[in-house]
Amino acid sequence: VILCVVCGLFAFAMTQAMSPSPIG
């Protein structure tokens, strides 16, 4: 559960930092 939360937050941060395209 903790890893799911951490991975979700990390994914959100990377989505904002990387290319705004759907592929990115």
mmCIF file of all heavy atoms, coordinates in Angstrom:
data_MODEL
# 
_entry.id   MODEL 
# 
loop_
_atom_site.group_PDB 
_atom_site.id 
_atom_site.type_symbol 
_atom_site.label_atom_id 
_atom_site.label_alt_id 
_atom_site.label_comp_id 
_atom_site.label_asym_id 
_atom_site.label_entity_id 
_atom_site.label_seq_id 
_atom_site.pdbx_PDB_ins_code 
_atom_site.Cartn_x 
_atom_site.Cartn_y 
_atom_site.Cartn_z 
_atom_site.occupancy 
_atom_site.B_iso_or_equiv 
_atom_site.pdbx_formal_charge 
_atom_site.auth_seq_id 
_atom_site.auth_comp_id 
_atom_site.auth_asym_id 
_atom_site.auth_atom_id 
_atom_site.pdbx_PDB_model_num 
ATOM 1   N N   . VAL A 1 1  ? 0.833  -1.203 0.000   1.00 0.00 ? 1  VAL A N   1 
ATOM 2   C CA  . VAL A 1 1  ? 0.000  0.000  0.000   1.00 0.00 ? 1  VAL A CA  1 
ATOM 3   C C   . VAL A 1 1  ? 0.867  1.251  0.000   1.00 0.00 ? 1  VAL A C   1 
ATOM 4   O O   . VAL A 1 1  ? 0.624  2.211  -0.751  1.00 0.00 ? 1  VAL A O   1 
ATOM 5   C CB  . VAL A 1 1  ? -0.951 -0.004 1.213   1.00 0.00 ? 1  VAL A CB  1 
ATOM 6   C CG1 . VAL A 1 1  ? -1.658 1.345  1.347   1.00 0.00 ? 1  VAL A CG1 1 
ATOM 7   C CG2 . VAL A 1 1  ? -1.964 -1.125 1.085   1.00 0.00 ? 1  VAL A CG2 1 
ATOM 8   N N   . ILE A 1 2  ? 1.910  1.244  0.830   1.00 0.00 ? 2  ILE A N   1 
ATOM 9   C CA  . ILE A 1 2  ? 2.809  2.401  0.889   1.00 0.00 ? 2  ILE A CA  1 
ATOM 10  C C   . ILE A 1 2  ? 3.491  2.630  -0.452  1.00 0.00 ? 2  ILE A C   1 
ATOM 11  O O   . ILE A 1 2  ? 3.595  3.766  -0.933  1.00 0.00 ? 2  ILE A O   1 
ATOM 12  C CB  . ILE A 1 2  ? 3.862  2.191  2.003   1.00 0.00 ? 2  ILE A CB  1 
ATOM 13  C CG1 . ILE A 1 2  ? 3.177  2.198  3.379   1.00 0.00 ? 2  ILE A CG1 1 
ATOM 14  C CG2 . ILE A 1 2  ? 4.929  3.285  1.944   1.00 0.00 ? 2  ILE A CG2 1 
ATOM 15  C CD1 . ILE A 1 2  ? 4.098  1.846  4.520   1.00 0.00 ? 2  ILE A CD1 1 
ATOM 16  N N   . LEU A 1 3  ? 3.935  1.542  -1.084  1.00 0.00 ? 3  LEU A N   1 
ATOM 17  C CA  . LEU A 1 3  ? 4.587  1.668  -2.386  1.00 0.00 ? 3  LEU A CA  1 
ATOM 18  C C   . LEU A 1 3  ? 3.617  2.202  -3.434  1.00 0.00 ? 3  LEU A C   1 
ATOM 19  O O   . LEU A 1 3  ? 4.007  2.980  -4.310  1.00 0.00 ? 3  LEU A O   1 
ATOM 20  C CB  . LEU A 1 3  ? 5.155  0.316  -2.819  1.00 0.00 ? 3  LEU A CB  1 
ATOM 21  C CG  . LEU A 1 3  ? 6.486  -0.095 -2.180  1.00 0.00 ? 3  LEU A CG  1 
ATOM 22  C CD1 . LEU A 1 3  ? 6.826  -1.522 -2.549  1.00 0.00 ? 3  LEU A CD1 1 
ATOM 23  C CD2 . LEU A 1 3  ? 7.595  0.845  -2.613  1.00 0.00 ? 3  LEU A CD2 1 
ATOM 24  N N   . CYS A 1 4  ? 2.347  1.771  -3.354  1.00 0.00 ? 4  CYS A N   1 
ATOM 25  C CA  . CYS A 1 4  ? 1.346  2.284  -4.301  1.00 0.00 ? 4  CYS A CA  1 
ATOM 26  C C   . CYS A 1 4  ? 1.207  3.797  -4.167  1.00 0.00 ? 4  CYS A C   1 
ATOM 27  O O   . CYS A 1 4  ? 1.166  4.525  -5.164  1.00 0.00 ? 4  CYS A O   1 
ATOM 28  C CB  . CYS A 1 4  ? -0.011 1.615  -4.060  1.00 0.00 ? 4  CYS A CB  1 
ATOM 29  S SG  . CYS A 1 4  ? -0.106 -0.091 -4.614  1.00 0.00 ? 4  CYS A SG  1 
ATOM 30  N N   . VAL A 1 5  ? 1.146  4.275  -2.907  1.00 0.00 ? 5  VAL A N   1 
ATOM 31  C CA  . VAL A 1 5  ? 1.003  5.711  -2.685  1.00 0.00 ? 5  VAL A CA  1 
ATOM 32  C C   . VAL A 1 5  ? 2.228  6.461  -3.182  1.00 0.00 ? 5  VAL A C   1 
ATOM 33  O O   . VAL A 1 5  ? 2.131  7.479  -3.886  1.00 0.00 ? 5  VAL A O   1 
ATOM 34  C CB  . VAL A 1 5  ? 0.767  5.994  -1.191  1.00 0.00 ? 5  VAL A CB  1 
ATOM 35  C CG1 . VAL A 1 5  ? 0.744  7.506  -0.930  1.00 0.00 ? 5  VAL A CG1 1 
ATOM 36  C CG2 . VAL A 1 5  ? -0.538 5.363  -0.732  1.00 0.00 ? 5  VAL A CG2 1 
ATOM 37  N N   . VAL A 1 6  ? 3.414  5.946  -2.839  1.00 0.00 ? 6  VAL A N   1 
ATOM 38  C CA  . VAL A 1 6  ? 4.653  6.601  -3.254  1.00 0.00 ? 6  VAL A CA  1 
ATOM 39  C C   . VAL A 1 6  ? 4.770  6.624  -4.773  1.00 0.00 ? 6  VAL A C   1 
ATOM 40  O O   . VAL A 1 6  ? 5.105  7.656  -5.372  1.00 0.00 ? 6  VAL A O   1 
ATOM 41  C CB  . VAL A 1 6  ? 5.872  5.895  -2.626  1.00 0.00 ? 6  VAL A CB  1 
ATOM 42  C CG1 . VAL A 1 6  ? 7.173  6.450  -3.209  1.00 0.00 ? 6  VAL A CG1 1 
ATOM 43  C CG2 . VAL A 1 6  ? 5.853  6.071  -1.114  1.00 0.00 ? 6  VAL A CG2 1 
ATOM 44  N N   . CYS A 1 7  ? 4.475  5.473  -5.426  1.00 0.00 ? 7  CYS A N   1 
ATOM 45  C CA  . CYS A 1 7  ? 4.559  5.411  -6.886  1.00 0.00 ? 7  CYS A CA  1 
ATOM 46  C C   . CYS A 1 7  ? 3.553  6.350  -7.535  1.00 0.00 ? 7  CYS A C   1 
ATOM 47  O O   . CYS A 1 7  ? 3.846  6.978  -8.560  1.00 0.00 ? 7  CYS A O   1 
ATOM 48  C CB  . CYS A 1 7  ? 4.322  3.978  -7.360  1.00 0.00 ? 7  CYS A CB  1 
ATOM 49  S SG  . CYS A 1 7  ? 5.689  2.855  -6.979  1.00 0.00 ? 7  CYS A SG  1 
ATOM 50  N N   . GLY A 1 8  ? 2.366  6.466  -6.940  1.00 0.00 ? 8  GLY A N   1 
ATOM 51  C CA  . GLY A 1 8  ? 1.369  7.372  -7.494  1.00 0.00 ? 8  GLY A CA  1 
ATOM 52  C C   . GLY A 1 8  ? 1.818  8.815  -7.435  1.00 0.00 ? 8  GLY A C   1 
ATOM 53  O O   . GLY A 1 8  ? 1.684  9.563  -8.409  1.00 0.00 ? 8  GLY A O   1 
ATOM 54  N N   . LEU A 1 9  ? 2.374  9.223  -6.272  1.00 0.00 ? 9  LEU A N   1 
ATOM 55  C CA  . LEU A 1 9  ? 2.880  10.587 -6.152  1.00 0.00 ? 9  LEU A CA  1 
ATOM 56  C C   . LEU A 1 9  ? 4.048  10.831 -7.097  1.00 0.00 ? 9  LEU A C   1 
ATOM 57  O O   . LEU A 1 9  ? 4.151  11.892 -7.732  1.00 0.00 ? 9  LEU A O   1 
ATOM 58  C CB  . LEU A 1 9  ? 3.310  10.849 -4.697  1.00 0.00 ? 9  LEU A CB  1 
ATOM 59  C CG  . LEU A 1 9  ? 2.180  10.859 -3.654  1.00 0.00 ? 9  LEU A CG  1 
ATOM 60  C CD1 . LEU A 1 9  ? 2.751  10.993 -2.252  1.00 0.00 ? 9  LEU A CD1 1 
ATOM 61  C CD2 . LEU A 1 9  ? 1.200  11.995 -3.937  1.00 0.00 ? 9  LEU A CD2 1 
ATOM 62  N N   . PHE A 1 10 ? 4.935  9.848  -7.205  1.00 0.00 ? 10 PHE A N   1 
ATOM 63  C CA  . PHE A 1 10 ? 6.083  9.981  -8.096  1.00 0.00 ? 10 PHE A CA  1 
ATOM 64  C C   . PHE A 1 10 ? 5.629  10.079 -9.551  1.00 0.00 ? 10 PHE A C   1 
ATOM 65  O O   . PHE A 1 10 ? 6.156  10.870 -10.336 1.00 0.00 ? 10 PHE A O   1 
ATOM 66  C CB  . PHE A 1 10 ? 7.008  8.777  -7.896  1.00 0.00 ? 10 PHE A CB  1 
ATOM 67  C CG  . PHE A 1 10 ? 8.281  8.847  -8.708  1.00 0.00 ? 10 PHE A CG  1 
ATOM 68  C CD1 . PHE A 1 10 ? 9.028  10.014 -8.750  1.00 0.00 ? 10 PHE A CD1 1 
ATOM 69  C CD2 . PHE A 1 10 ? 8.726  7.734  -9.411  1.00 0.00 ? 10 PHE A CD2 1 
ATOM 70  C CE1 . PHE A 1 10 ? 10.204 10.075 -9.489  1.00 0.00 ? 10 PHE A CE1 1 
ATOM 71  C CE2 . PHE A 1 10 ? 9.890  7.791  -10.148 1.00 0.00 ? 10 PHE A CE2 1 
ATOM 72  C CZ  . PHE A 1 10 ? 10.633 8.964  -10.188 1.00 0.00 ? 10 PHE A CZ  1 
ATOM 73  N N   . ALA A 1 11 ? 4.620  9.283  -9.916  1.00 0.00 ? 11 ALA A N   1 
ATOM 74  C CA  . ALA A 1 11 ? 4.104  9.325  -11.291 1.00 0.00 ? 11 ALA A CA  1 
ATOM 75  C C   . ALA A 1 11 ? 3.506  10.692 -11.601 1.00 0.00 ? 11 ALA A C   1 
ATOM 76  O O   . ALA A 1 11 ? 3.717  11.241 -12.680 1.00 0.00 ? 11 ALA A O   1 
ATOM 77  C CB  . ALA A 1 11 ? 3.052  8.234  -11.478 1.00 0.00 ? 11 ALA A CB  1 
ATOM 78  N N   . PHE A 1 12 ? 2.779  11.251 -10.623 1.00 0.00 ? 12 PHE A N   1 
ATOM 79  C CA  . PHE A 1 12 ? 2.175  12.563 -10.845 1.00 0.00 ? 12 PHE A CA  1 
ATOM 80  C C   . PHE A 1 12 ? 3.246  13.636 -11.034 1.00 0.00 ? 12 PHE A C   1 
ATOM 81  O O   . PHE A 1 12 ? 3.158  14.490 -11.928 1.00 0.00 ? 12 PHE A O   1 
ATOM 82  C CB  . PHE A 1 12 ? 1.277  12.929 -9.661  1.00 0.00 ? 12 PHE A CB  1 
ATOM 83  C CG  . PHE A 1 12 ? 0.671  14.301 -9.762  1.00 0.00 ? 12 PHE A CG  1 
ATOM 84  C CD1 . PHE A 1 12 ? -0.413 14.535 -10.593 1.00 0.00 ? 12 PHE A CD1 1 
ATOM 85  C CD2 . PHE A 1 12 ? 1.200  15.364 -9.033  1.00 0.00 ? 12 PHE A CD2 1 
ATOM 86  C CE1 . PHE A 1 12 ? -0.971 15.793 -10.702 1.00 0.00 ? 12 PHE A CE1 1 
ATOM 87  C CE2 . PHE A 1 12 ? 0.648  16.629 -9.148  1.00 0.00 ? 12 PHE A CE2 1 
ATOM 88  C CZ  . PHE A 1 12 ? -0.442 16.844 -9.974  1.00 0.00 ? 12 PHE A CZ  1 
ATOM 89  N N   . ALA A 1 13 ? 4.301  13.557 -10.202 1.00 0.00 ? 13 ALA A N   1 
ATOM 90  C CA  . ALA A 1 13 ? 5.379  14.541 -10.312 1.00 0.00 ? 13 ALA A CA  1 
ATOM 91  C C   . ALA A 1 13 ? 6.092  14.432 -11.647 1.00 0.00 ? 13 ALA A C   1 
ATOM 92  O O   . ALA A 1 13 ? 6.395  15.440 -12.299 1.00 0.00 ? 13 ALA A O   1 
ATOM 93  C CB  . ALA A 1 13 ? 6.368  14.352 -9.167  1.00 0.00 ? 13 ALA A CB  1 
ATOM 94  N N   . MET A 1 14 ? 6.359  13.218 -12.089 1.00 0.00 ? 14 MET A N   1 
ATOM 95  C CA  . MET A 1 14 ? 7.054  13.023 -13.357 1.00 0.00 ? 14 MET A CA  1 
ATOM 96  C C   . MET A 1 14 ? 6.179  13.435 -14.525 1.00 0.00 ? 14 MET A C   1 
ATOM 97  O O   . MET A 1 14 ? 6.657  13.965 -15.525 1.00 0.00 ? 14 MET A O   1 
ATOM 98  C CB  . MET A 1 14 ? 7.482  11.560 -13.510 1.00 0.00 ? 14 MET A CB  1 
ATOM 99  C CG  . MET A 1 14 ? 8.590  11.137 -12.559 1.00 0.00 ? 14 MET A CG  1 
ATOM 100 S SD  . MET A 1 14 ? 9.246  9.505  -12.976 1.00 0.00 ? 14 MET A SD  1 
ATOM 101 C CE  . MET A 1 14 ? 10.049 9.827  -14.538 1.00 0.00 ? 14 MET A CE  1 
ATOM 102 N N   . THR A 1 15 ? 4.878  13.208 -14.414 1.00 0.00 ? 15 THR A N   1 
ATOM 103 C CA  . THR A 1 15 ? 3.960  13.620 -15.480 1.00 0.00 ? 15 THR A CA  1 
ATOM 104 C C   . THR A 1 15 ? 3.997  15.135 -15.658 1.00 0.00 ? 15 THR A C   1 
ATOM 105 O O   . THR A 1 15 ? 3.946  15.654 -16.779 1.00 0.00 ? 15 THR A O   1 
ATOM 106 C CB  . THR A 1 15 ? 2.533  13.165 -15.154 1.00 0.00 ? 15 THR A CB  1 
ATOM 107 O OG1 . THR A 1 15 ? 2.521  11.750 -15.002 1.00 0.00 ? 15 THR A OG1 1 
ATOM 108 C CG2 . THR A 1 15 ? 1.575  13.544 -16.269 1.00 0.00 ? 15 THR A CG2 1 
ATOM 109 N N   . GLN A 1 16 ? 4.092  15.862 -14.542 1.00 0.00 ? 16 GLN A N   1 
ATOM 110 C CA  . GLN A 1 16 ? 4.150  17.316 -14.622 1.00 0.00 ? 16 GLN A CA  1 
ATOM 111 C C   . GLN A 1 16 ? 5.483  17.809 -15.154 1.00 0.00 ? 16 GLN A C   1 
ATOM 112 O O   . GLN A 1 16 ? 5.565  18.841 -15.838 1.00 0.00 ? 16 GLN A O   1 
ATOM 113 C CB  . GLN A 1 16 ? 3.910  17.925 -13.223 1.00 0.00 ? 16 GLN A CB  1 
ATOM 114 C CG  . GLN A 1 16 ? 2.565  17.572 -12.619 1.00 0.00 ? 16 GLN A CG  1 
ATOM 115 C CD  . GLN A 1 16 ? 1.408  18.013 -13.493 1.00 0.00 ? 16 GLN A CD  1 
ATOM 116 O OE1 . GLN A 1 16 ? 1.382  19.147 -13.967 1.00 0.00 ? 16 GLN A OE1 1 
ATOM 117 N NE2 . GLN A 1 16 ? 0.458  17.127 -13.716 1.00 0.00 ? 16 GLN A NE2 1 
ATOM 118 N N   . ALA A 1 17 ? 6.543  17.056 -14.856 1.00 0.00 ? 17 ALA A N   1 
ATOM 119 C CA  . ALA A 1 17 ? 7.879  17.502 -15.240 1.00 0.00 ? 17 ALA A CA  1 
ATOM 120 C C   . ALA A 1 17 ? 8.243  17.134 -16.663 1.00 0.00 ? 17 ALA A C   1 
ATOM 121 O O   . ALA A 1 17 ? 9.009  17.846 -17.321 1.00 0.00 ? 17 ALA A O   1 
ATOM 122 C CB  . ALA A 1 17 ? 8.920  16.913 -14.270 1.00 0.00 ? 17 ALA A CB  1 
ATOM 123 N N   . MET A 1 18 ? 7.707  16.023 -17.143 1.00 0.00 ? 18 MET A N   1 
ATOM 124 C CA  . MET A 1 18 ? 8.080  15.544 -18.471 1.00 0.00 ? 18 MET A CA  1 
ATOM 125 C C   . MET A 1 18 ? 7.191  16.156 -19.539 1.00 0.00 ? 18 MET A C   1 
ATOM 126 O O   . MET A 1 18 ? 6.426  17.073 -19.292 1.00 0.00 ? 18 MET A O   1 
ATOM 127 C CB  . MET A 1 18 ? 8.001  14.004 -18.508 1.00 0.00 ? 18 MET A CB  1 
ATOM 128 C CG  . MET A 1 18 ? 9.035  13.317 -17.617 1.00 0.00 ? 18 MET A CG  1 
ATOM 129 S SD  . MET A 1 18 ? 8.927  11.528 -17.685 1.00 0.00 ? 18 MET A SD  1 
ATOM 130 C CE  . MET A 1 18 ? 9.380  11.195 -19.367 1.00 0.00 ? 18 MET A CE  1 
ATOM 131 N N   . SER A 1 19 ? 7.298  15.609 -20.753 1.00 0.00 ? 19 SER A N   1 
ATOM 132 C CA  . SER A 1 19 ? 6.529  16.121 -21.887 1.00 0.00 ? 19 SER A CA  1 
ATOM 133 C C   . SER A 1 19 ? 5.042  16.118 -21.560 1.00 0.00 ? 19 SER A C   1 
ATOM 134 O O   . SER A 1 19 ? 4.528  15.150 -20.992 1.00 0.00 ? 19 SER A O   1 
ATOM 135 C CB  . SER A 1 19 ? 6.785  15.238 -23.118 1.00 0.00 ? 19 SER A CB  1 
ATOM 136 O OG  . SER A 1 19 ? 5.873  15.544 -24.139 1.00 0.00 ? 19 SER A OG  1 
ATOM 137 N N   . PRO A 1 20 ? 4.337  17.188 -21.913 1.00 0.00 ? 20 PRO A N   1 
ATOM 138 C CA  . PRO A 1 20 ? 2.896  17.235 -21.624 1.00 0.00 ? 20 PRO A CA  1 
ATOM 139 C C   . PRO A 1 20 ? 2.066  16.343 -22.527 1.00 0.00 ? 20 PRO A C   1 
ATOM 140 O O   . PRO A 1 20 ? 0.866  16.242 -22.354 1.00 0.00 ? 20 PRO A O   1 
ATOM 141 C CB  . PRO A 1 20 ? 2.557  18.709 -21.871 1.00 0.00 ? 20 PRO A CB  1 
ATOM 142 C CG  . PRO A 1 20 ? 3.568  19.166 -22.872 1.00 0.00 ? 20 PRO A CG  1 
ATOM 143 C CD  . PRO A 1 20 ? 4.833  18.426 -22.531 1.00 0.00 ? 20 PRO A CD  1 
ATOM 144 N N   . SER A 1 21 ? 2.680  15.699 -23.521 1.00 0.00 ? 21 SER A N   1 
ATOM 145 C CA  . SER A 1 21 ? 1.924  14.857 -24.437 1.00 0.00 ? 21 SER A CA  1 
ATOM 146 C C   . SER A 1 21 ? 1.449  13.604 -23.729 1.00 0.00 ? 21 SER A C   1 
ATOM 147 O O   . SER A 1 21 ? 2.033  13.183 -22.720 1.00 0.00 ? 21 SER A O   1 
ATOM 148 C CB  . SER A 1 21 ? 2.803  14.452 -25.630 1.00 0.00 ? 21 SER A CB  1 
ATOM 149 O OG  . SER A 1 21 ? 3.841  13.591 -25.191 1.00 0.00 ? 21 SER A OG  1 
ATOM 150 N N   . PRO A 1 22 ? 0.372  12.947 -24.228 1.00 0.00 ? 22 PRO A N   1 
ATOM 151 C CA  . PRO A 1 22 ? -0.116 11.706 -23.616 1.00 0.00 ? 22 PRO A CA  1 
ATOM 152 C C   . PRO A 1 22 ? 0.948  10.626 -23.578 1.00 0.00 ? 22 PRO A C   1 
ATOM 153 O O   . PRO A 1 22 ? 1.024  9.856  -22.621 1.00 0.00 ? 22 PRO A O   1 
ATOM 154 C CB  . PRO A 1 22 ? -1.300 11.315 -24.514 1.00 0.00 ? 22 PRO A CB  1 
ATOM 155 C CG  . PRO A 1 22 ? -1.736 12.594 -25.133 1.00 0.00 ? 22 PRO A CG  1 
ATOM 156 C CD  . PRO A 1 22 ? -0.486 13.405 -25.318 1.00 0.00 ? 22 PRO A CD  1 
ATOM 157 N N   . ILE A 1 23 ? 1.786  10.535 -24.632 1.00 0.00 ? 23 ILE A N   1 
ATOM 158 C CA  . ILE A 1 23 ? 2.831  9.513  -24.657 1.00 0.00 ? 23 ILE A CA  1 
ATOM 159 C C   . ILE A 1 23 ? 3.826  9.742  -23.536 1.00 0.00 ? 23 ILE A C   1 
ATOM 160 O O   . ILE A 1 23 ? 4.235  8.828  -22.824 1.00 0.00 ? 23 ILE A O   1 
ATOM 161 C CB  . ILE A 1 23 ? 3.529  9.493  -26.029 1.00 0.00 ? 23 ILE A CB  1 
ATOM 162 C CG1 . ILE A 1 23 ? 2.544  9.070  -27.112 1.00 0.00 ? 23 ILE A CG1 1 
ATOM 163 C CG2 . ILE A 1 23 ? 4.723  8.568  -26.007 1.00 0.00 ? 23 ILE A CG2 1 
ATOM 164 C CD1 . ILE A 1 23 ? 3.131  9.082  -28.506 1.00 0.00 ? 23 ILE A CD1 1 
ATOM 165 N N   . GLY A 1 24 ? 4.233  11.038 -23.354 1.00 0.00 ? 24 GLY A N   1 
ATOM 166 C CA  . GLY A 1 24 ? 5.174  11.343 -22.283 1.00 0.00 ? 24 GLY A CA  1 
ATOM 167 C C   . GLY A 1 24 ? 4.589  11.030 -20.921 1.00 0.00 ? 24 GLY A C   1 
ATOM 168 O O   . GLY A 1 24 ? 5.268  10.494 -20.042 1.00 0.00 ? 24 GLY A O   1 
# 
